[in-house]
Amino acid sequence: MAENEKIFSTETEALLDQLDRRSTDKLHFRVEVGRLIEAASSSANRSTFDDLIFRAKFAVKTRDVMKRIGPGAEGFEKLSKEFQESIKETSSLLAVLTSSLPQNDREEFRRQFLQIESASFQNLLLLLSDLAAVKNWLIDGHSLPTESPRKSGNHSSSSNQITLKQLRASSVVALLLLAAFLVIEPPVTTIGWALAGLVSVTQLAILLTIISLVSRRL
């Protein structure tokens, strides 16, 4: 695939640049990885993409261990079986994920990565290495640029403002009711007036504290 066949979003291009800089080698299939990332923007595809990059990382790590211990070492045969199973699973997931792409792109993925031939298999291993880099990116706390932003921000902010206004209004009403009660049923003694004043000040302080705390949280 030629890189100029599709222009990715600015966010996707930035992510691909980051992955290039983080890797010892640059991405082997930058355009193809970009296509898969943008395909993952669909909620129907995201879980498939997450499974794909998880299994890609597992396959890459398993292959690295196999290379390190070498054939004939204890556990090599088990690792080999797990690696082969991972290849089958990632191939299936890749086929499912690319099924949502335009036909030309879908056929190109199949030709490059899903053919039963040596060149296609080697391409698949390199692609899995690229996808493992995406998985590591997410593990480090980053997110995909195609993830939909939360839509509740404005509504939440408006609701918070309404809540704060209601609390302030309720505080004013409470103080007015207390003042009215003191006018209708005033204390008789000096001690009674002192207690009423103390209650009023305390209530006002509590209400102001509550408003302050709520304002900070909102």
N, C-alpha and C. Protein backbone atom coordinates (compact mmCIF):
# COMPACT_ATOMS: atom_id res chain seq x y z
N MET A 1 0.83 -1.20 0.00
CA MET A 1 0.00 0.00 0.00
C MET A 1 0.87 1.25 0.00
N ALA A 2 0.52 2.18 -0.82
CA ALA A 2 1.26 3.44 -0.83
C ALA A 2 0.75 4.33 0.27
N GLU A 3 1.66 5.09 0.89
CA GLU A 3 1.28 5.90 2.03
C GLU A 3 0.30 6.99 1.67
N ASN A 4 0.32 7.44 0.40
CA ASN A 4 -0.56 8.54 0.03
C ASN A 4 -1.94 8.06 -0.40
N GLU A 5 -2.23 6.77 -0.24
CA GLU A 5 -3.54 6.27 -0.60
C GLU A 5 -4.61 6.78 0.36
N LYS A 6 -4.20 7.06 1.58
CA LYS A 6 -5.18 7.54 2.55
C LYS A 6 -4.53 8.54 3.47
N ILE A 7 -5.23 9.62 3.75
CA ILE A 7 -4.73 10.61 4.69
C ILE A 7 -5.39 10.34 6.03
N PHE A 8 -4.57 10.05 7.03
CA PHE A 8 -5.09 9.77 8.36
C PHE A 8 -5.40 11.08 9.08
N SER A 9 -6.13 10.96 10.16
CA SER A 9 -6.41 12.13 10.98
C SER A 9 -5.09 12.61 11.61
N THR A 10 -5.07 13.87 12.01
CA THR A 10 -3.88 14.44 12.63
C THR A 10 -3.49 13.65 13.87
N GLU A 11 -4.49 13.22 14.65
CA GLU A 11 -4.22 12.46 15.87
C GLU A 11 -3.59 11.11 15.57
N THR A 12 -4.09 10.44 14.53
CA THR A 12 -3.53 9.13 14.17
C THR A 12 -2.10 9.29 13.67
N GLU A 13 -1.86 10.31 12.85
CA GLU A 13 -0.50 10.55 12.35
C GLU A 13 0.45 10.83 13.52
N ALA A 14 -0.02 11.60 14.50
CA ALA A 14 0.81 11.91 15.66
C ALA A 14 1.14 10.64 16.44
N LEU A 15 0.16 9.76 16.59
CA LEU A 15 0.39 8.49 17.30
C LEU A 15 1.40 7.64 16.55
N LEU A 16 1.26 7.55 15.23
CA LEU A 16 2.21 6.76 14.44
C LEU A 16 3.62 7.33 14.56
N ASP A 17 3.74 8.65 14.60
CA ASP A 17 5.05 9.27 14.79
C ASP A 17 5.63 8.90 16.16
N GLN A 18 4.78 8.91 17.18
CA GLN A 18 5.22 8.54 18.53
C GLN A 18 5.71 7.09 18.56
N LEU A 19 4.96 6.21 17.91
CA LEU A 19 5.34 4.81 17.88
C LEU A 19 6.67 4.63 17.14
N ASP A 20 6.87 5.39 16.08
CA ASP A 20 8.14 5.33 15.35
C ASP A 20 9.31 5.73 16.24
N ARG A 21 9.10 6.78 17.03
CA ARG A 21 10.18 7.28 17.88
C ARG A 21 10.47 6.35 19.05
N ARG A 22 9.42 5.68 19.55
CA ARG A 22 9.60 4.80 20.71
C ARG A 22 10.26 3.47 20.34
N SER A 23 10.09 3.03 19.12
CA SER A 23 10.58 1.72 18.71
C SER A 23 12.05 1.78 18.33
N THR A 24 12.74 0.66 18.56
CA THR A 24 14.13 0.56 18.13
C THR A 24 14.20 0.72 16.62
N ASP A 25 13.29 0.04 15.94
CA ASP A 25 13.12 0.22 14.50
C ASP A 25 11.79 0.94 14.27
N LYS A 26 11.70 1.64 13.15
CA LYS A 26 10.43 2.28 12.82
C LYS A 26 9.39 1.21 12.51
N LEU A 27 8.14 1.62 12.55
CA LEU A 27 7.06 0.70 12.22
C LEU A 27 7.30 0.08 10.84
N HIS A 28 7.12 -1.22 10.77
CA HIS A 28 7.33 -1.91 9.51
C HIS A 28 6.19 -1.66 8.53
N PHE A 29 4.97 -1.52 9.09
CA PHE A 29 3.78 -1.31 8.26
C PHE A 29 2.98 -0.15 8.83
N ARG A 30 3.54 1.04 8.70
CA ARG A 30 2.93 2.23 9.29
C ARG A 30 1.51 2.47 8.77
N VAL A 31 1.34 2.41 7.46
CA VAL A 31 0.03 2.69 6.88
C VAL A 31 -1.00 1.67 7.32
N GLU A 32 -0.60 0.41 7.32
CA GLU A 32 -1.53 -0.66 7.70
C GLU A 32 -1.94 -0.53 9.17
N VAL A 33 -0.97 -0.19 10.02
CA VAL A 33 -1.29 0.01 11.44
C VAL A 33 -2.25 1.19 11.59
N GLY A 34 -2.02 2.25 10.82
CA GLY A 34 -2.92 3.40 10.85
C GLY A 34 -4.33 3.03 10.44
N ARG A 35 -4.44 2.18 9.44
CA ARG A 35 -5.77 1.74 9.00
C ARG A 35 -6.48 0.95 10.10
N LEU A 36 -5.74 0.10 10.77
CA LEU A 36 -6.34 -0.72 11.83
C LEU A 36 -6.75 0.15 13.03
N ILE A 37 -5.92 1.13 13.35
CA ILE A 37 -6.25 2.03 14.46
C ILE A 37 -7.53 2.81 14.14
N GLU A 38 -7.64 3.29 12.93
CA GLU A 38 -8.84 4.05 12.58
C GLU A 38 -10.06 3.13 12.46
N ALA A 39 -9.83 1.88 12.07
CA ALA A 39 -10.95 0.92 12.04
C ALA A 39 -11.46 0.67 13.45
N ALA A 40 -10.56 0.79 14.44
CA ALA A 40 -10.94 0.55 15.84
C ALA A 40 -11.80 1.68 16.41
N SER A 41 -11.98 2.77 15.65
CA SER A 41 -12.81 3.87 16.14
C SER A 41 -14.27 3.46 16.24
N SER A 42 -14.64 2.44 15.49
CA SER A 42 -16.01 1.91 15.57
C SER A 42 -16.15 1.08 16.84
N SER A 43 -17.21 1.32 17.58
CA SER A 43 -17.42 0.56 18.82
C SER A 43 -17.54 -0.93 18.55
N ALA A 44 -18.02 -1.28 17.36
CA ALA A 44 -18.16 -2.69 17.00
C ALA A 44 -16.80 -3.34 16.77
N ASN A 45 -15.79 -2.53 16.45
CA ASN A 45 -14.47 -3.07 16.14
C ASN A 45 -13.48 -2.97 17.29
N ARG A 46 -13.79 -2.14 18.29
CA ARG A 46 -12.78 -1.86 19.32
C ARG A 46 -12.38 -3.11 20.10
N SER A 47 -13.34 -3.93 20.48
CA SER A 47 -13.00 -5.12 21.26
C SER A 47 -12.15 -6.08 20.42
N THR A 48 -12.44 -6.17 19.12
CA THR A 48 -11.64 -7.01 18.23
C THR A 48 -10.22 -6.49 18.15
N PHE A 49 -10.08 -5.17 18.05
CA PHE A 49 -8.75 -4.56 17.99
C PHE A 49 -7.99 -4.80 19.28
N ASP A 50 -8.67 -4.65 20.42
CA ASP A 50 -8.02 -4.89 21.71
C ASP A 50 -7.53 -6.34 21.82
N ASP A 51 -8.35 -7.28 21.38
CA ASP A 51 -7.94 -8.69 21.38
C ASP A 51 -6.74 -8.91 20.45
N LEU A 52 -6.79 -8.24 19.31
CA LEU A 52 -5.72 -8.41 18.31
C LEU A 52 -4.38 -7.94 18.86
N ILE A 53 -4.33 -6.75 19.45
CA ILE A 53 -3.04 -6.24 19.92
C ILE A 53 -2.57 -7.00 21.16
N PHE A 54 -3.51 -7.51 21.98
CA PHE A 54 -3.13 -8.33 23.13
C PHE A 54 -2.46 -9.62 22.67
N ARG A 55 -3.09 -10.29 21.71
CA ARG A 55 -2.56 -11.55 21.23
C ARG A 55 -1.30 -11.34 20.39
N ALA A 56 -1.22 -10.20 19.73
CA ALA A 56 -0.01 -9.87 18.97
C ALA A 56 1.19 -9.75 19.92
N LYS A 57 0.98 -9.06 21.03
CA LYS A 57 2.06 -8.92 22.02
C LYS A 57 2.44 -10.28 22.60
N PHE A 58 1.45 -11.11 22.87
CA PHE A 58 1.73 -12.45 23.40
C PHE A 58 2.55 -13.27 22.40
N ALA A 59 2.17 -13.19 21.13
CA ALA A 59 2.89 -13.95 20.09
C ALA A 59 4.32 -13.47 19.96
N VAL A 60 4.52 -12.16 20.01
CA VAL A 60 5.87 -11.60 19.88
C VAL A 60 6.74 -12.02 21.07
N LYS A 61 6.18 -11.94 22.28
CA LYS A 61 6.95 -12.33 23.47
C LYS A 61 7.27 -13.82 23.45
N THR A 62 6.31 -14.63 23.02
CA THR A 62 6.54 -16.07 22.95
C THR A 62 7.65 -16.39 21.96
N ARG A 63 7.61 -15.74 20.82
CA ARG A 63 8.64 -15.97 19.81
C ARG A 63 10.01 -15.54 20.32
N ASP A 64 10.07 -14.44 21.06
CA ASP A 64 11.36 -13.98 21.61
C ASP A 64 11.93 -15.01 22.59
N VAL A 65 11.06 -15.59 23.42
CA VAL A 65 11.52 -16.61 24.37
C VAL A 65 12.01 -17.84 23.63
N MET A 66 11.29 -18.24 22.59
CA MET A 66 11.69 -19.39 21.80
C MET A 66 13.07 -19.17 21.17
N LYS A 67 13.32 -17.99 20.69
CA LYS A 67 14.63 -17.68 20.11
C LYS A 67 15.72 -17.74 21.17
N ARG A 68 15.39 -17.27 22.38
CA ARG A 68 16.39 -17.20 23.43
C ARG A 68 16.78 -18.58 23.95
N ILE A 69 15.80 -19.45 24.15
CA ILE A 69 16.12 -20.77 24.73
C ILE A 69 16.53 -21.78 23.67
N GLY A 70 16.07 -21.60 22.43
CA GLY A 70 16.46 -22.47 21.34
C GLY A 70 15.71 -23.79 21.31
N PRO A 71 15.66 -24.44 20.14
CA PRO A 71 14.99 -25.74 20.00
C PRO A 71 15.65 -26.79 20.89
N GLY A 72 14.85 -27.69 21.40
CA GLY A 72 15.37 -28.75 22.25
C GLY A 72 15.40 -28.39 23.72
N ALA A 73 15.27 -27.11 24.05
CA ALA A 73 15.26 -26.69 25.45
C ALA A 73 13.95 -27.09 26.10
N GLU A 74 13.99 -27.23 27.40
CA GLU A 74 12.78 -27.61 28.14
C GLU A 74 11.70 -26.53 27.96
N GLY A 75 10.52 -26.94 27.59
CA GLY A 75 9.41 -26.02 27.41
C GLY A 75 9.30 -25.44 26.01
N PHE A 76 10.28 -25.72 25.16
CA PHE A 76 10.25 -25.15 23.81
C PHE A 76 9.05 -25.66 23.01
N GLU A 77 8.78 -26.95 23.12
CA GLU A 77 7.68 -27.53 22.36
C GLU A 77 6.34 -26.92 22.77
N LYS A 78 6.16 -26.70 24.06
CA LYS A 78 4.93 -26.08 24.54
C LYS A 78 4.81 -24.65 24.03
N LEU A 79 5.92 -23.92 24.08
CA LEU A 79 5.91 -22.55 23.57
C LEU A 79 5.61 -22.52 22.08
N SER A 80 6.15 -23.48 21.36
CA SER A 80 5.91 -23.56 19.92
C SER A 80 4.43 -23.74 19.61
N LYS A 81 3.78 -24.60 20.38
CA LYS A 81 2.34 -24.83 20.18
C LYS A 81 1.55 -23.56 20.51
N GLU A 82 1.94 -22.89 21.60
CA GLU A 82 1.25 -21.66 21.98
C GLU A 82 1.46 -20.57 20.92
N PHE A 83 2.66 -20.53 20.36
CA PHE A 83 2.95 -19.54 19.32
C PHE A 83 2.11 -19.80 18.08
N GLN A 84 2.03 -21.05 17.67
CA GLN A 84 1.23 -21.40 16.49
C GLN A 84 -0.24 -21.07 16.71
N GLU A 85 -0.72 -21.33 17.92
CA GLU A 85 -2.11 -21.02 18.23
C GLU A 85 -2.34 -19.50 18.20
N SER A 86 -1.36 -18.75 18.69
CA SER A 86 -1.46 -17.29 18.68
C SER A 86 -1.51 -16.75 17.25
N ILE A 87 -0.73 -17.35 16.38
CA ILE A 87 -0.72 -16.93 14.98
C ILE A 87 -2.09 -17.16 14.35
N LYS A 88 -2.68 -18.31 14.65
CA LYS A 88 -4.02 -18.59 14.12
C LYS A 88 -5.04 -17.58 14.63
N GLU A 89 -4.96 -17.29 15.94
CA GLU A 89 -5.93 -16.38 16.53
C GLU A 89 -5.77 -14.96 15.99
N THR A 90 -4.52 -14.50 15.89
CA THR A 90 -4.30 -13.15 15.38
C THR A 90 -4.70 -13.04 13.91
N SER A 91 -4.47 -14.09 13.15
CA SER A 91 -4.89 -14.09 11.74
C SER A 91 -6.40 -13.98 11.62
N SER A 92 -7.11 -14.71 12.48
CA SER A 92 -8.57 -14.66 12.46
C SER A 92 -9.08 -13.29 12.87
N LEU A 93 -8.49 -12.73 13.92
CA LEU A 93 -8.90 -11.40 14.38
C LEU A 93 -8.60 -10.34 13.33
N LEU A 94 -7.47 -10.47 12.67
CA LEU A 94 -7.11 -9.51 11.62
C LEU A 94 -8.11 -9.58 10.47
N ALA A 95 -8.52 -10.78 10.13
CA ALA A 95 -9.51 -10.95 9.05
C ALA A 95 -10.84 -10.32 9.45
N VAL A 96 -11.24 -10.50 10.71
CA VAL A 96 -12.50 -9.92 11.18
C VAL A 96 -12.42 -8.40 11.19
N LEU A 97 -11.32 -7.85 11.71
CA LEU A 97 -11.19 -6.40 11.81
C LEU A 97 -11.14 -5.74 10.44
N THR A 98 -10.43 -6.34 9.50
CA THR A 98 -10.31 -5.73 8.17
C THR A 98 -11.54 -5.94 7.31
N SER A 99 -12.47 -6.77 7.77
CA SER A 99 -13.70 -6.98 7.00
C SER A 99 -14.53 -5.71 6.89
N SER A 100 -14.29 -4.75 7.79
CA SER A 100 -15.04 -3.49 7.75
C SER A 100 -14.38 -2.46 6.83
N LEU A 101 -13.20 -2.77 6.30
CA LEU A 101 -12.49 -1.85 5.41
C LEU A 101 -13.05 -1.94 4.00
N PRO A 102 -12.77 -0.94 3.16
CA PRO A 102 -13.15 -1.04 1.75
C PRO A 102 -12.55 -2.29 1.12
N GLN A 103 -13.19 -2.79 0.09
CA GLN A 103 -12.78 -4.06 -0.50
C GLN A 103 -11.32 -4.07 -0.93
N ASN A 104 -10.84 -3.00 -1.56
CA ASN A 104 -9.45 -2.96 -2.01
C ASN A 104 -8.48 -3.11 -0.85
N ASP A 105 -8.77 -2.41 0.25
CA ASP A 105 -7.91 -2.49 1.43
C ASP A 105 -7.99 -3.88 2.05
N ARG A 106 -9.18 -4.41 2.11
CA ARG A 106 -9.38 -5.74 2.68
C ARG A 106 -8.60 -6.79 1.89
N GLU A 107 -8.64 -6.70 0.58
CA GLU A 107 -7.91 -7.64 -0.26
C GLU A 107 -6.40 -7.47 -0.12
N GLU A 108 -5.98 -6.23 0.07
CA GLU A 108 -4.55 -5.97 0.25
C GLU A 108 -4.03 -6.57 1.55
N PHE A 109 -4.81 -6.44 2.61
CA PHE A 109 -4.42 -7.07 3.88
C PHE A 109 -4.33 -8.58 3.72
N ARG A 110 -5.31 -9.16 3.05
CA ARG A 110 -5.31 -10.60 2.87
C ARG A 110 -4.09 -11.04 2.06
N ARG A 111 -3.76 -10.27 1.03
CA ARG A 111 -2.63 -10.63 0.18
C ARG A 111 -1.30 -10.52 0.93
N GLN A 112 -1.18 -9.46 1.74
CA GLN A 112 0.10 -9.22 2.41
C GLN A 112 0.32 -10.10 3.64
N PHE A 113 -0.77 -10.40 4.39
CA PHE A 113 -0.58 -11.01 5.71
C PHE A 113 -1.28 -12.36 5.90
N LEU A 114 -2.23 -12.70 5.08
CA LEU A 114 -3.06 -13.87 5.37
C LEU A 114 -2.97 -14.97 4.32
N GLN A 115 -1.95 -14.90 3.48
CA GLN A 115 -1.73 -15.96 2.51
C GLN A 115 -0.90 -17.08 3.12
N ILE A 116 -1.08 -18.30 2.60
CA ILE A 116 -0.30 -19.44 3.10
C ILE A 116 0.99 -19.51 2.30
N GLU A 117 1.90 -18.63 2.62
CA GLU A 117 3.20 -18.61 1.96
C GLU A 117 4.19 -17.91 2.87
N SER A 118 5.48 -18.16 2.63
CA SER A 118 6.52 -17.67 3.52
C SER A 118 6.54 -16.15 3.63
N ALA A 119 6.45 -15.47 2.48
CA ALA A 119 6.53 -14.00 2.49
C ALA A 119 5.38 -13.39 3.30
N SER A 120 4.18 -13.95 3.14
CA SER A 120 3.02 -13.45 3.88
C SER A 120 3.19 -13.68 5.38
N PHE A 121 3.74 -14.82 5.74
CA PHE A 121 3.96 -15.14 7.15
C PHE A 121 4.97 -14.17 7.78
N GLN A 122 6.04 -13.90 7.05
CA GLN A 122 7.04 -12.96 7.56
C GLN A 122 6.45 -11.56 7.71
N ASN A 123 5.62 -11.16 6.77
CA ASN A 123 4.94 -9.87 6.89
C ASN A 123 4.04 -9.84 8.12
N LEU A 124 3.35 -10.94 8.37
CA LEU A 124 2.45 -11.01 9.52
C LEU A 124 3.23 -10.85 10.82
N LEU A 125 4.40 -11.47 10.91
CA LEU A 125 5.21 -11.35 12.11
C LEU A 125 5.65 -9.90 12.34
N LEU A 126 6.00 -9.23 11.28
CA LEU A 126 6.40 -7.82 11.40
C LEU A 126 5.21 -6.95 11.80
N LEU A 127 4.05 -7.24 11.24
CA LEU A 127 2.85 -6.49 11.61
C LEU A 127 2.50 -6.72 13.07
N LEU A 128 2.64 -7.95 13.54
CA LEU A 128 2.36 -8.25 14.95
C LEU A 128 3.32 -7.49 15.86
N SER A 129 4.55 -7.33 15.42
CA SER A 129 5.51 -6.54 16.20
C SER A 129 5.05 -5.09 16.30
N ASP A 130 4.54 -4.55 15.19
CA ASP A 130 4.01 -3.18 15.21
C ASP A 130 2.81 -3.07 16.15
N LEU A 131 1.93 -4.05 16.09
CA LEU A 131 0.72 -4.02 16.93
C LEU A 131 1.08 -4.21 18.41
N ALA A 132 2.13 -4.97 18.68
CA ALA A 132 2.60 -5.10 20.07
C ALA A 132 3.07 -3.75 20.60
N ALA A 133 3.64 -2.93 19.72
CA ALA A 133 4.06 -1.58 20.11
C ALA A 133 2.85 -0.73 20.47
N VAL A 134 1.74 -0.92 19.75
CA VAL A 134 0.50 -0.20 20.08
C VAL A 134 0.01 -0.64 21.46
N LYS A 135 0.06 -1.95 21.73
CA LYS A 135 -0.36 -2.47 23.03
C LYS A 135 0.49 -1.87 24.14
N ASN A 136 1.79 -1.79 23.95
CA ASN A 136 2.67 -1.20 24.95
C ASN A 136 2.34 0.27 25.18
N TRP A 137 1.96 0.95 24.10
CA TRP A 137 1.56 2.36 24.19
C TRP A 137 0.36 2.52 25.12
N LEU A 138 -0.61 1.64 24.96
CA LEU A 138 -1.81 1.70 25.81
C LEU A 138 -1.48 1.31 27.24
N ILE A 139 -0.60 0.32 27.41
CA ILE A 139 -0.21 -0.10 28.75
C ILE A 139 0.46 1.05 29.51
N ASP A 140 1.16 1.90 28.79
CA ASP A 140 1.84 3.04 29.41
C ASP A 140 0.88 4.16 29.79
N GLY A 141 -0.41 3.95 29.57
CA GLY A 141 -1.40 4.92 30.02
C GLY A 141 -1.90 5.86 28.95
N HIS A 142 -1.48 5.66 27.71
CA HIS A 142 -1.96 6.51 26.62
C HIS A 142 -3.29 5.95 26.10
N SER A 143 -3.89 6.69 25.19
CA SER A 143 -5.15 6.24 24.60
C SER A 143 -5.08 6.39 23.09
N LEU A 144 -5.96 5.69 22.42
CA LEU A 144 -6.01 5.80 20.97
C LEU A 144 -6.68 7.11 20.57
N PRO A 145 -6.20 7.75 19.52
CA PRO A 145 -6.80 9.03 19.11
C PRO A 145 -8.21 8.88 18.59
N THR A 146 -8.61 7.66 18.27
CA THR A 146 -9.93 7.43 17.72
C THR A 146 -10.98 7.20 18.78
N GLU A 147 -10.58 7.18 20.06
CA GLU A 147 -11.56 6.97 21.12
C GLU A 147 -12.47 8.19 21.20
N SER A 148 -13.77 7.95 21.24
CA SER A 148 -14.74 9.03 21.27
C SER A 148 -14.66 9.78 22.59
N PRO A 149 -14.62 11.11 22.56
CA PRO A 149 -14.62 11.88 23.80
C PRO A 149 -15.94 11.74 24.53
N ARG A 150 -15.89 11.87 25.82
CA ARG A 150 -17.13 11.79 26.60
C ARG A 150 -18.03 12.96 26.26
N LYS A 151 -19.29 12.66 26.02
CA LYS A 151 -20.23 13.68 25.59
C LYS A 151 -20.98 14.32 26.75
N SER A 152 -20.71 13.85 27.93
CA SER A 152 -21.49 14.31 29.08
C SER A 152 -20.88 15.53 29.75
N GLY A 153 -19.75 16.04 29.23
CA GLY A 153 -19.05 17.12 29.90
C GLY A 153 -19.89 18.36 30.05
N ASN A 154 -20.48 18.86 28.95
CA ASN A 154 -21.27 20.09 29.00
C ASN A 154 -22.51 19.93 29.85
N HIS A 155 -23.16 18.77 29.68
CA HIS A 155 -24.36 18.52 30.47
C HIS A 155 -24.02 18.46 31.94
N SER A 156 -22.91 17.81 32.26
CA SER A 156 -22.50 17.68 33.66
C SER A 156 -22.19 19.04 34.25
N SER A 157 -21.50 19.90 33.46
CA SER A 157 -21.15 21.23 33.94
C SER A 157 -22.41 22.04 34.21
N SER A 158 -23.39 21.97 33.30
CA SER A 158 -24.64 22.71 33.48
C SER A 158 -25.38 22.22 34.71
N SER A 159 -25.40 20.89 34.91
CA SER A 159 -26.08 20.33 36.07
C SER A 159 -25.41 20.77 37.36
N ASN A 160 -24.06 20.84 37.34
CA ASN A 160 -23.34 21.28 38.53
C ASN A 160 -23.67 22.72 38.87
N GLN A 161 -23.76 23.58 37.84
CA GLN A 161 -24.10 24.96 38.08
C GLN A 161 -25.50 25.10 38.65
N ILE A 162 -26.44 24.31 38.13
CA ILE A 162 -27.81 24.35 38.64
C ILE A 162 -27.85 23.90 40.10
N THR A 163 -27.09 22.84 40.42
CA THR A 163 -27.06 22.33 41.79
C THR A 163 -26.53 23.38 42.75
N LEU A 164 -25.47 24.07 42.36
CA LEU A 164 -24.88 25.09 43.22
C LEU A 164 -25.85 26.25 43.43
N LYS A 165 -26.54 26.67 42.39
CA LYS A 165 -27.52 27.75 42.51
C LYS A 165 -28.66 27.35 43.44
N GLN A 166 -29.10 26.09 43.29
CA GLN A 166 -30.19 25.61 44.15
C GLN A 166 -29.76 25.59 45.61
N LEU A 167 -28.51 25.19 45.86
CA LEU A 167 -28.01 25.13 47.24
C LEU A 167 -27.95 26.53 47.85
N ARG A 168 -27.47 27.49 47.06
CA ARG A 168 -27.39 28.86 47.56
C ARG A 168 -28.79 29.43 47.84
N ALA A 169 -29.72 29.14 46.94
CA ALA A 169 -31.09 29.62 47.13
C ALA A 169 -31.71 29.02 48.38
N SER A 170 -31.46 27.71 48.59
CA SER A 170 -31.99 27.04 49.78
C SER A 170 -31.41 27.63 51.05
N SER A 171 -30.13 28.02 51.01
CA SER A 171 -29.48 28.61 52.18
C SER A 171 -30.12 29.95 52.54
N VAL A 172 -30.37 30.75 51.51
CA VAL A 172 -31.00 32.05 51.74
C VAL A 172 -32.39 31.88 52.33
N VAL A 173 -33.16 30.93 51.79
CA VAL A 173 -34.51 30.68 52.30
C VAL A 173 -34.47 30.25 53.76
N ALA A 174 -33.51 29.38 54.09
CA ALA A 174 -33.39 28.89 55.47
C ALA A 174 -33.09 30.03 56.42
N LEU A 175 -32.22 30.93 56.03
CA LEU A 175 -31.89 32.07 56.88
C LEU A 175 -33.08 33.02 57.03
N LEU A 176 -33.82 33.22 55.95
CA LEU A 176 -35.01 34.08 56.02
C LEU A 176 -36.06 33.50 56.94
N LEU A 177 -36.24 32.17 56.87
CA LEU A 177 -37.20 31.51 57.75
C LEU A 177 -36.80 31.65 59.21
N LEU A 178 -35.50 31.53 59.46
CA LEU A 178 -35.02 31.69 60.84
C LEU A 178 -35.28 33.11 61.33
N ALA A 179 -35.02 34.08 60.47
CA ALA A 179 -35.26 35.48 60.85
C ALA A 179 -36.74 35.72 61.10
N ALA A 180 -37.59 35.15 60.26
CA ALA A 180 -39.04 35.31 60.44
C ALA A 180 -39.49 34.68 61.75
N PHE A 181 -38.93 33.52 62.06
CA PHE A 181 -39.29 32.85 63.31
C PHE A 181 -38.92 33.71 64.52
N LEU A 182 -37.76 34.37 64.46
CA LEU A 182 -37.31 35.21 65.57
C LEU A 182 -38.21 36.44 65.73
N VAL A 183 -38.76 36.92 64.61
CA VAL A 183 -39.65 38.08 64.68
C VAL A 183 -41.00 37.68 65.26
N ILE A 184 -41.52 36.52 64.80
CA ILE A 184 -42.83 36.07 65.26
C ILE A 184 -42.78 35.58 66.70
N GLU A 185 -41.76 34.80 67.03
CA GLU A 185 -41.61 34.25 68.39
C GLU A 185 -40.26 34.65 68.94
N PRO A 186 -40.08 35.92 69.29
CA PRO A 186 -38.78 36.37 69.79
C PRO A 186 -38.48 35.79 71.17
N PRO A 187 -37.22 35.59 71.48
CA PRO A 187 -36.85 35.12 72.82
C PRO A 187 -37.24 36.15 73.87
N VAL A 188 -37.49 35.66 75.05
CA VAL A 188 -37.93 36.55 76.12
C VAL A 188 -36.75 37.06 76.92
N THR A 189 -35.78 36.20 77.17
CA THR A 189 -34.66 36.57 78.04
C THR A 189 -33.43 36.92 77.21
N THR A 190 -32.47 37.52 77.90
CA THR A 190 -31.19 37.85 77.25
C THR A 190 -30.46 36.59 76.80
N ILE A 191 -30.54 35.55 77.67
CA ILE A 191 -29.89 34.28 77.32
C ILE A 191 -30.54 33.69 76.06
N GLY A 192 -31.85 33.83 75.97
CA GLY A 192 -32.56 33.32 74.79
C GLY A 192 -32.11 34.00 73.52
N TRP A 193 -31.95 35.35 73.61
CA TRP A 193 -31.45 36.09 72.44
C TRP A 193 -30.03 35.67 72.08
N ALA A 194 -29.23 35.45 73.11
CA ALA A 194 -27.84 35.03 72.87
C ALA A 194 -27.80 33.66 72.18
N LEU A 195 -28.64 32.74 72.66
CA LEU A 195 -28.69 31.41 72.06
C LEU A 195 -29.19 31.48 70.62
N ALA A 196 -30.21 32.33 70.39
CA ALA A 196 -30.75 32.48 69.04
C ALA A 196 -29.68 33.03 68.10
N GLY A 197 -28.92 34.01 68.61
CA GLY A 197 -27.85 34.56 67.78
C GLY A 197 -26.78 33.53 67.48
N LEU A 198 -26.45 32.71 68.50
CA LEU A 198 -25.44 31.67 68.32
C LEU A 198 -25.89 30.65 67.28
N VAL A 199 -27.15 30.27 67.38
CA VAL A 199 -27.71 29.31 66.41
C VAL A 199 -27.66 29.89 65.00
N SER A 200 -28.02 31.17 64.88
CA SER A 200 -28.02 31.81 63.55
C SER A 200 -26.61 31.84 62.96
N VAL A 201 -25.65 32.25 63.77
CA VAL A 201 -24.26 32.33 63.29
C VAL A 201 -23.75 30.94 62.92
N THR A 202 -24.04 29.95 63.78
CA THR A 202 -23.58 28.58 63.51
C THR A 202 -24.19 28.04 62.23
N GLN A 203 -25.50 28.27 62.06
CA GLN A 203 -26.17 27.79 60.86
C GLN A 203 -25.59 28.45 59.61
N LEU A 204 -25.33 29.75 59.71
CA LEU A 204 -24.76 30.46 58.57
C LEU A 204 -23.37 29.92 58.24
N ALA A 205 -22.57 29.66 59.28
CA ALA A 205 -21.22 29.14 59.05
C ALA A 205 -21.27 27.76 58.39
N ILE A 206 -22.20 26.92 58.85
CA ILE A 206 -22.34 25.57 58.29
C ILE A 206 -22.75 25.65 56.82
N LEU A 207 -23.73 26.51 56.54
CA LEU A 207 -24.20 26.64 55.16
C LEU A 207 -23.11 27.16 54.23
N LEU A 208 -22.33 28.15 54.72
CA LEU A 208 -21.25 28.69 53.90
C LEU A 208 -20.16 27.64 53.66
N THR A 209 -19.90 26.82 54.68
CA THR A 209 -18.90 25.74 54.53
C THR A 209 -19.35 24.72 53.50
N ILE A 210 -20.63 24.34 53.57
CA ILE A 210 -21.17 23.37 52.62
C ILE A 210 -21.09 23.91 51.20
N ILE A 211 -21.46 25.17 51.02
CA ILE A 211 -21.41 25.79 49.70
C ILE A 211 -19.98 25.81 49.17
N SER A 212 -19.03 26.13 50.06
CA SER A 212 -17.63 26.16 49.64
C SER A 212 -17.13 24.80 49.20
N LEU A 213 -17.47 23.77 49.98
CA LEU A 213 -17.03 22.41 49.65
C LEU A 213 -17.65 21.93 48.34
N VAL A 214 -18.94 22.20 48.19
CA VAL A 214 -19.61 21.79 46.95
C VAL A 214 -19.04 22.52 45.75
N SER A 215 -18.73 23.80 45.92
CA SER A 215 -18.17 24.58 44.81
C SER A 215 -16.84 24.01 44.36
N ARG A 216 -16.02 23.58 45.31
CA ARG A 216 -14.71 23.01 44.93
C ARG A 216 -14.88 21.71 44.16
N ARG A 217 -15.81 20.87 44.59
CA ARG A 217 -16.03 19.59 43.92
C ARG A 217 -16.61 19.75 42.53
N LEU A 218 -17.45 20.79 42.36
CA LEU A 218 -18.08 21.02 41.07
C LEU A 218 -17.11 21.68 40.11
